[in-house]
Amino acid sequence: MRPKLSEIALQAEVSEATVSRVLNAKPGVANTTRRRVLDVLSDLGYSDGRSRRTGTGAIGIVTPELSNPIFPHLAQSIESVLAHHGYLSLVCSSTAETVHEQDFLTYLADQGASGVVVINGRYALPGVGYESYEELVDQGIPVVLVNGFAGQPPLPSVAVDTREAAAHAVRHLGTLGHERIGLVIGPSRYPTANDFVSGYRDAFVELGFDYNPSFISETLWTLEGGQAGAAQLLEQGVTGIVCGNDVMAIGVVAAAKAWGASVPGDVSVIGFDGSTLARLTDPPLTTLRQPAAQMAKAVASLLVGDQATSSNVPAQLFRAELVIGRSTGRPPA
């Protein structure tokens, strides 16, 4: 005879609802609590005929390529916080040329990972959706998404508010006297790019500037993409350029110098991410810094905290911090 939920809950010192979530491999249960319930189930001889994961492995942190320093920075911040909770992390860098994201997700599931964090995952691409991540949750492996998603994902999620960051960047240039402000951004198929464009446009309306769609240069999220995007905007006489990340901003600065323009004398440049690169450029970048430490704490709470949240809570958004460098100044007379 199977033990009652009330009996299991009493011995595990949890609620019956928590026992039910563990039995049905649902998210929203801290791993320490999950293991305690499973230990009680084992002591009581409970078996439902199915193999259930105990979630005793490392936590997988799946990132895109590591060439953009914001990805390893976020991964390291999350790994550090999880280590304080007593969890080991396995950082998995997925690229189109080597190991794909889905390969890592399958591997982590097979290893019985205690949780999975996905940074700017393939869910950002049209038609991909969240099915592969929800399959992990169905196996009792909690998943947290970080950045790159659109709207409200069906899973716990943490992100920097890119729309507000773009608007903040335009406002900063506006206070310096710029009105011809361009935007260098990645492909529009990415939600982050669309959020940037929306924030950029919001600020133009707010400041009463004439919005010109031709001042938006869609390119690649790379240094070379920044260079190519800047050329189009410099030809139109913009005096300020907002970029979708710091790597692109470095490309914009290089393009401006090759064009014969000085930064910030002729054109001001603002990056996004606040990576270590921003401090090492010439001139040091003004950038919108992602609050990696705060975001990492939120991720850890969703994965292993005693108050781990369920999948139906709103995405947690964080404001980026404007860090003033020397790449912005007043527009030329």
Protein backbone atom coordinates (compact mmCIF):
# COMPACT_ATOMS: atom_id res chain seq x y z
CA MET A 1 0.00 0.00 0.00
CA ARG A 2 1.35 3.38 -1.00
CA PRO A 3 1.88 5.92 1.75
CA LYS A 4 -0.46 8.92 1.79
CA LEU A 5 0.71 12.36 0.77
CA SER A 6 0.06 13.57 4.30
CA GLU A 7 2.37 10.89 5.72
CA ILE A 8 5.16 11.73 3.29
CA ALA A 9 4.73 15.46 3.92
CA LEU A 10 4.86 14.96 7.68
CA GLN A 11 8.09 13.00 7.62
CA ALA A 12 9.75 15.29 5.07
CA GLU A 13 8.50 18.39 6.93
CA VAL A 14 7.03 19.93 3.78
CA SER A 15 3.54 20.61 2.46
CA GLU A 16 1.48 18.03 0.59
CA ALA A 17 1.62 20.33 -2.45
CA THR A 18 5.42 20.11 -2.40
CA VAL A 19 5.27 16.31 -2.24
CA SER A 20 2.90 16.33 -5.21
CA ARG A 21 5.28 18.52 -7.22
CA VAL A 22 8.18 16.17 -6.51
CA LEU A 23 6.12 13.09 -7.45
CA ASN A 24 5.10 14.72 -10.73
CA ALA A 25 8.60 16.07 -11.48
CA LYS A 26 7.34 19.66 -11.50
CA PRO A 27 9.62 22.71 -11.14
CA GLY A 28 9.44 25.14 -8.25
CA VAL A 29 11.01 22.89 -5.58
CA ALA A 30 14.46 23.58 -4.17
CA ASN A 31 16.84 20.70 -4.83
CA THR A 32 17.57 20.21 -1.12
CA THR A 33 13.84 19.89 -0.49
CA ARG A 34 13.39 17.58 -3.48
CA ARG A 35 16.10 15.27 -2.22
CA ARG A 36 14.60 15.20 1.29
CA VAL A 37 11.21 14.18 -0.11
CA LEU A 38 12.81 11.51 -2.32
CA ASP A 39 14.72 10.12 0.67
CA VAL A 40 11.44 9.80 2.61
CA LEU A 41 9.81 8.13 -0.38
CA SER A 42 12.68 5.66 -0.54
CA ASP A 43 12.44 4.92 3.20
CA LEU A 44 8.71 4.28 2.85
CA GLY A 45 9.27 1.95 -0.11
CA TYR A 46 7.34 4.17 -2.50
CA SER A 47 7.54 3.29 -6.18
CA ASP A 48 5.35 4.42 -9.08
CA GLY A 49 7.00 2.15 -11.65
CA ARG A 50 8.89 4.98 -13.30
CA SER A 51 12.48 6.06 -12.94
CA ARG A 52 12.75 9.54 -11.43
CA ARG A 53 15.81 11.68 -11.36
CA THR A 54 17.12 12.78 -8.01
CA GLY A 55 18.84 15.87 -9.37
CA THR A 56 22.19 15.26 -7.68
CA GLY A 57 24.45 16.24 -10.58
CA ALA A 58 26.08 19.55 -11.41
CA ILE A 59 24.13 22.53 -12.77
CA GLY A 60 24.68 23.09 -16.46
CA ILE A 61 25.16 26.66 -17.73
CA VAL A 62 24.66 26.70 -21.50
CA THR A 63 25.94 29.80 -23.31
CA PRO A 64 26.46 30.87 -26.91
CA GLU A 65 30.03 31.30 -28.18
CA LEU A 66 32.46 32.76 -25.64
CA SER A 67 33.96 35.33 -28.04
CA ASN A 68 31.52 37.95 -26.73
CA PRO A 69 32.81 38.61 -23.19
CA ILE A 70 29.35 39.23 -21.72
CA PHE A 71 28.48 35.52 -22.04
CA PRO A 72 31.40 34.16 -19.98
CA HIS A 73 30.92 37.06 -17.55
CA LEU A 74 27.29 36.10 -16.93
CA ALA A 75 28.20 32.41 -16.72
CA GLN A 76 30.98 33.10 -14.21
CA SER A 77 28.69 35.29 -12.10
CA ILE A 78 26.06 32.56 -11.98
CA GLU A 79 28.66 29.86 -11.28
CA SER A 80 30.05 31.89 -8.38
CA VAL A 81 26.65 32.35 -6.71
CA LEU A 82 25.74 28.69 -7.18
CA ALA A 83 29.07 27.67 -5.63
CA HIS A 84 28.08 29.55 -2.47
CA HIS A 85 24.98 27.34 -2.40
CA GLY A 86 27.18 24.26 -2.60
CA TYR A 87 26.58 23.44 -6.28
CA LEU A 88 29.14 22.68 -8.95
CA SER A 89 28.53 24.18 -12.39
CA LEU A 90 29.39 22.89 -15.83
CA VAL A 91 29.71 25.67 -18.44
CA CYS A 92 28.76 24.49 -21.93
CA SER A 93 29.56 26.75 -24.89
CA SER A 94 27.41 25.93 -27.91
CA THR A 95 28.29 27.06 -31.43
CA ALA A 96 27.03 26.25 -34.88
CA GLU A 97 30.45 24.83 -35.79
CA THR A 98 31.03 22.53 -32.79
CA VAL A 99 28.58 21.24 -30.18
CA HIS A 100 25.01 22.44 -30.57
CA GLU A 101 22.83 23.61 -27.69
CA GLN A 102 20.49 20.63 -28.02
CA ASP A 103 23.44 18.24 -27.67
CA PHE A 104 24.32 19.85 -24.35
CA LEU A 105 20.72 19.76 -23.15
CA THR A 106 20.51 16.05 -23.95
CA TYR A 107 23.82 15.37 -22.21
CA LEU A 108 22.79 17.29 -19.08
CA ALA A 109 19.49 15.40 -18.95
CA ASP A 110 21.28 12.06 -19.30
CA GLN A 111 23.64 13.02 -16.47
CA GLY A 112 20.76 13.92 -14.15
CA ALA A 113 21.76 17.56 -13.80
CA SER A 114 20.42 19.39 -10.75
CA GLY A 115 19.38 22.25 -12.99
CA VAL A 116 20.08 24.01 -16.27
CA VAL A 117 20.66 27.69 -17.01
CA VAL A 118 20.42 28.78 -20.65
CA ILE A 119 21.90 32.15 -21.60
CA ASN A 120 20.64 33.70 -24.87
CA GLY A 121 19.56 30.28 -26.07
CA ARG A 122 18.07 29.10 -29.34
CA TYR A 123 14.63 29.99 -27.99
CA ALA A 124 15.45 33.46 -29.35
CA LEU A 125 15.22 32.19 -32.92
CA PRO A 126 11.92 32.16 -34.84
CA GLY A 127 10.12 28.84 -34.73
CA VAL A 128 12.33 27.22 -32.07
CA GLY A 129 10.07 27.70 -29.06
CA TYR A 130 10.57 26.25 -25.59
CA GLU A 131 9.75 22.55 -26.05
CA SER A 132 13.30 21.25 -25.53
CA TYR A 133 13.59 23.16 -22.25
CA GLU A 134 10.15 22.08 -21.06
CA GLU A 135 11.18 18.47 -21.67
CA LEU A 136 13.92 18.93 -19.07
CA VAL A 137 11.38 20.29 -16.60
CA ASP A 138 9.16 17.27 -17.26
CA GLN A 139 12.10 15.12 -16.16
CA GLY A 140 12.39 17.02 -12.89
CA ILE A 141 15.28 19.26 -13.95
CA PRO A 142 14.55 22.94 -13.27
CA VAL A 143 15.46 25.37 -16.06
CA VAL A 144 16.06 29.12 -15.94
CA LEU A 145 16.39 31.25 -19.07
CA VAL A 146 18.65 34.30 -19.11
CA ASN A 147 18.21 37.08 -21.69
CA GLY A 148 17.20 36.86 -25.33
CA PHE A 149 13.56 35.83 -24.98
CA ALA A 150 10.44 37.62 -26.17
CA GLY A 151 7.43 38.39 -24.00
CA GLN A 152 6.73 36.04 -21.10
CA PRO A 153 8.40 32.62 -21.47
CA PRO A 154 6.68 29.54 -19.97
CA LEU A 155 9.71 28.99 -17.73
CA PRO A 156 11.43 30.92 -14.93
CA SER A 157 13.47 33.67 -16.58
CA VAL A 158 15.80 36.57 -15.85
CA ALA A 159 16.79 39.36 -18.21
CA VAL A 160 18.19 42.84 -18.49
CA ASP A 161 15.62 45.33 -19.79
CA THR A 162 17.10 46.00 -23.24
CA ARG A 163 14.23 48.23 -24.30
CA GLU A 164 14.81 50.60 -21.40
CA ALA A 165 18.58 50.40 -21.93
CA ALA A 166 18.26 51.58 -25.53
CA ALA A 167 15.98 54.42 -24.48
CA HIS A 168 18.42 55.38 -21.70
CA ALA A 169 21.29 55.53 -24.20
CA VAL A 170 19.35 57.82 -26.54
CA ARG A 171 18.33 60.06 -23.63
CA HIS A 172 21.97 60.37 -22.57
CA LEU A 173 23.01 61.47 -26.05
CA GLY A 174 20.03 63.81 -26.16
CA THR A 175 21.12 65.55 -22.96
CA LEU A 176 24.52 66.12 -24.57
CA GLY A 177 22.84 67.87 -27.48
CA HIS A 178 22.66 65.12 -30.08
CA GLU A 179 19.57 64.75 -32.26
CA ARG A 180 20.90 62.79 -35.24
CA ILE A 181 21.34 59.53 -33.36
CA GLY A 182 21.84 56.20 -35.10
CA LEU A 183 21.42 52.63 -33.92
CA VAL A 184 23.67 49.70 -34.86
CA ILE A 185 21.83 46.50 -33.99
CA GLY A 186 21.73 42.80 -34.80
CA PRO A 187 19.28 40.99 -37.10
CA SER A 188 15.61 41.80 -36.51
CA ARG A 189 14.77 38.10 -36.12
CA TYR A 190 16.17 38.32 -32.58
CA PRO A 191 13.84 39.59 -29.81
CA THR A 192 16.70 41.58 -28.28
CA ALA A 193 17.15 43.51 -31.52
CA ASN A 194 13.44 44.31 -31.67
CA ASP A 195 13.46 45.47 -28.04
CA PHE A 196 16.39 47.76 -28.78
CA VAL A 197 14.61 49.29 -31.74
CA SER A 198 11.46 49.80 -29.67
CA GLY A 199 13.38 51.52 -26.87
CA TYR A 200 15.31 53.64 -29.36
CA ARG A 201 12.07 54.74 -31.00
CA ASP A 202 10.40 55.37 -27.63
CA ALA A 203 13.15 57.80 -26.66
CA PHE A 204 12.85 59.71 -29.95
CA VAL A 205 9.16 60.24 -29.27
CA GLU A 206 9.84 61.18 -25.66
CA LEU A 207 12.49 63.73 -26.63
CA GLY A 208 10.50 65.12 -29.55
CA PHE A 209 13.18 64.22 -32.11
CA ASP A 210 12.38 63.38 -35.73
CA TYR A 211 12.45 59.60 -36.01
CA ASN A 212 14.27 58.41 -39.13
CA PRO A 213 14.19 54.62 -39.79
CA SER A 214 17.24 54.98 -42.05
CA PHE A 215 19.27 55.78 -38.93
CA ILE A 216 18.87 52.12 -37.89
CA SER A 217 21.59 49.88 -39.27
CA GLU A 218 20.83 46.15 -39.03
CA THR A 219 23.97 44.04 -39.10
CA LEU A 220 25.74 41.19 -37.28
CA TRP A 221 26.37 41.07 -33.50
CA THR A 222 30.12 41.24 -34.13
CA LEU A 223 33.00 43.70 -34.37
CA GLU A 224 32.85 43.42 -38.15
CA GLY A 225 29.12 43.98 -38.00
CA GLY A 226 29.70 47.17 -36.02
CA GLN A 227 32.17 48.40 -38.61
CA ALA A 228 29.78 47.74 -41.47
CA GLY A 229 26.82 49.28 -39.66
CA ALA A 230 28.75 52.42 -38.76
CA ALA A 231 29.71 53.16 -42.36
CA GLN A 232 26.07 53.42 -43.37
CA LEU A 233 25.29 55.83 -40.54
CA LEU A 234 28.38 58.02 -40.87
CA GLU A 235 27.43 58.66 -44.50
CA GLN A 236 24.13 60.11 -43.23
CA GLY A 237 25.84 62.50 -40.84
CA VAL A 238 24.78 61.07 -37.50
CA THR A 239 26.62 62.51 -34.51
CA GLY A 240 25.79 59.76 -32.02
CA ILE A 241 25.53 55.98 -32.36
CA VAL A 242 23.95 53.49 -29.93
CA CYS A 243 25.14 49.89 -30.29
CA GLY A 244 23.56 46.54 -29.45
CA ASN A 245 26.65 45.34 -27.55
CA ASP A 246 30.16 46.45 -26.64
CA VAL A 247 31.80 44.35 -29.35
CA MET A 248 29.78 46.13 -32.03
CA ALA A 249 30.63 49.47 -30.40
CA ILE A 250 34.34 48.72 -30.75
CA GLY A 251 33.73 48.08 -34.44
CA VAL A 252 31.88 51.40 -34.72
CA VAL A 253 34.79 53.26 -33.09
CA ALA A 254 37.23 51.59 -35.49
CA ALA A 255 35.05 52.48 -38.48
CA ALA A 256 34.76 56.10 -37.35
CA LYS A 257 38.54 56.41 -37.06
CA ALA A 258 39.03 54.82 -40.47
CA TRP A 259 36.49 57.31 -41.79
CA GLY A 260 38.64 60.12 -40.43
CA ALA A 261 36.24 61.01 -37.63
CA SER A 262 37.26 61.39 -34.01
CA VAL A 263 35.42 59.78 -31.08
CA PRO A 264 33.80 61.63 -29.39
CA GLY A 265 34.78 64.86 -31.19
CA ASP A 266 32.83 64.05 -34.35
CA VAL A 267 30.68 61.12 -33.29
CA SER A 268 29.74 59.74 -29.87
CA VAL A 269 29.42 55.98 -29.35
CA ILE A 270 27.54 54.03 -26.66
CA GLY A 271 27.87 50.29 -26.14
CA PHE A 272 25.77 47.81 -24.23
CA ASP A 273 26.72 45.02 -21.75
CA GLY A 274 29.40 46.73 -19.66
CA SER A 275 31.94 44.03 -20.42
CA THR A 276 35.63 44.37 -19.53
CA LEU A 277 36.27 45.43 -23.12
CA ALA A 278 34.53 48.74 -22.46
CA ARG A 279 37.33 49.87 -20.14
CA LEU A 280 40.11 48.81 -22.51
CA THR A 281 39.06 50.59 -25.69
CA ASP A 282 40.49 53.86 -26.96
CA PRO A 283 38.65 55.86 -25.83
CA PRO A 284 37.02 53.85 -23.01
CA LEU A 285 33.39 53.20 -23.94
CA THR A 286 30.33 54.73 -22.45
CA THR A 287 28.11 51.67 -22.02
CA LEU A 288 24.96 50.28 -20.41
CA ARG A 289 26.20 47.65 -17.95
CA GLN A 290 24.19 44.52 -17.27
CA PRO A 291 23.82 43.93 -13.49
CA ALA A 292 25.37 40.46 -13.71
CA ALA A 293 25.72 39.95 -9.95
CA GLN A 294 22.07 40.77 -9.24
CA MET A 295 20.89 38.64 -12.16
CA ALA A 296 23.04 35.72 -10.97
CA LYS A 297 21.45 35.86 -7.51
CA ALA A 298 18.00 35.78 -9.10
CA VAL A 299 18.97 32.77 -11.22
CA ALA A 300 20.26 30.90 -8.18
CA SER A 301 17.08 31.66 -6.24
CA LEU A 302 14.97 30.26 -9.06
CA LEU A 303 17.08 27.10 -9.24
CA VAL A 304 18.04 26.16 -5.72
CA GLY A 305 16.55 28.65 -3.26
CA ASP A 306 14.20 27.53 -0.54
CA GLN A 307 11.55 29.72 -2.14
CA ALA A 308 12.15 28.50 -5.69
CA THR A 309 9.43 30.01 -7.85
CA SER A 310 7.08 28.19 -10.19
CA SER A 311 7.04 28.55 -13.95
CA ASN A 312 4.07 30.91 -14.07
CA VAL A 313 5.78 33.91 -12.46
CA PRO A 314 6.62 36.97 -14.60
CA ALA A 315 10.10 37.28 -16.02
CA GLN A 316 12.42 39.19 -13.70
CA LEU A 317 13.73 42.30 -15.49
CA PHE A 318 16.76 44.29 -14.36
CA ARG A 319 17.78 47.82 -15.35
CA ALA A 320 21.15 48.35 -16.98
CA GLU A 321 23.45 50.94 -15.42
CA LEU A 322 24.83 53.78 -17.55
CA VAL A 323 28.62 53.83 -17.16
CA ILE A 324 30.15 57.03 -18.52
CA GLY A 325 33.35 56.58 -20.48
CA ARG A 326 35.13 58.93 -22.84
CA SER A 327 33.42 57.83 -26.05
CA THR A 328 30.55 60.32 -25.65
CA GLY A 329 30.55 64.09 -25.66
CA ARG A 330 28.76 67.07 -27.14
CA PRO A 331 28.10 67.01 -30.91
CA PRO A 332 30.31 69.04 -33.22
CA ALA A 333 29.17 72.60 -33.85
